[in-house]
Each structure stands twice: as structure tokens, then as C-alpha cells.
């Protein structure tokens, strides 16, 4: 009828997987550092809901963001809140518009105090070839939620 159990190390050496899905959370294979993160480590983190475990940050960020966005787990929210200054730039660097937008729209992480840093980071990223959509979204979000400046003043190409 289907696979119900996968043994430890089942994906060791599998370099052609497009993505990896665990408990309904899917990570693009390019964001999974197999040398530093095991399937067992991810499963353990997701079951224990202990996102402070030592693990390759990019892989962890991918899973924790999905746990928060899909299931609004308070432990994931707390981890993201504590690490938002690293997590948002990570997703900006990936040009992951959907995750950036979801984290912003949750209303839990972006403040008047940190929005300018994220906007400046997105501007620099765009100037280095990154997706302008993220910069435009952050600029628009700032103007709607923290209106204190000329909307076009901080838009750069």
C-alpha cells in the first residue's frame, strides 16, 4: 500500500533528490547540507519541537519557517522571533518571495525597529542581482505599516 517507515540513513548518498519531505514539510534539496544534517536530526527536531538544537542553519531555517507558516507552532514562532535578523536575510538571499511575504504578513516578526534593516538588505540584494519583487514588497509593507517616509525614497535599482 505504500511506505510507512524509512530506516535511518535511507537517503545517505542520494544526490539526485529534488526535494526532501518530512512530516509534510518539504525542503529543496539544494538547501539541505547532508554533511551537517541528517534525516534523523530533522525528525528529532520536529518531534521534540526543540529548534535550538545545533544544526546547519539554512536547513533548520527551511523547516522552522514551514512549521510556523503551515501550522503556527509557538515553538517555531519563538525561534524565528529570536533569530529573525538572520532568518529573513537568508530567505531574501534565496529570492524566496513567498516565505518572506508569509513571515512579514504574520505580523509577528517585523517591527518599526527592524524593518529598515530588512529593507536595506533587500536593496543591497537587488543591486547584486537579487529579485526586485522582494525589495518592492518590503518597501510597500513599510509604507503601509510604518508610514514615515516618502514611498519612493528607498526604492533603488
Foldseek 3Di string as FASTA:
>chain_A
DDDDDDDFPNCVPPQPDQWDADPRQIDGSVQDDVVFDGPVNVVVCVVVVQLVDDTDVSVSLSRLLCCCLVPVDVSSLVVCQVVVVPSLLSCQLVLVQVSNVSVVVVVRHDDPVCLVVSLVSNQVSVVVPTDLVNNLVSLVSCCVPPNDDDSCPSRDD
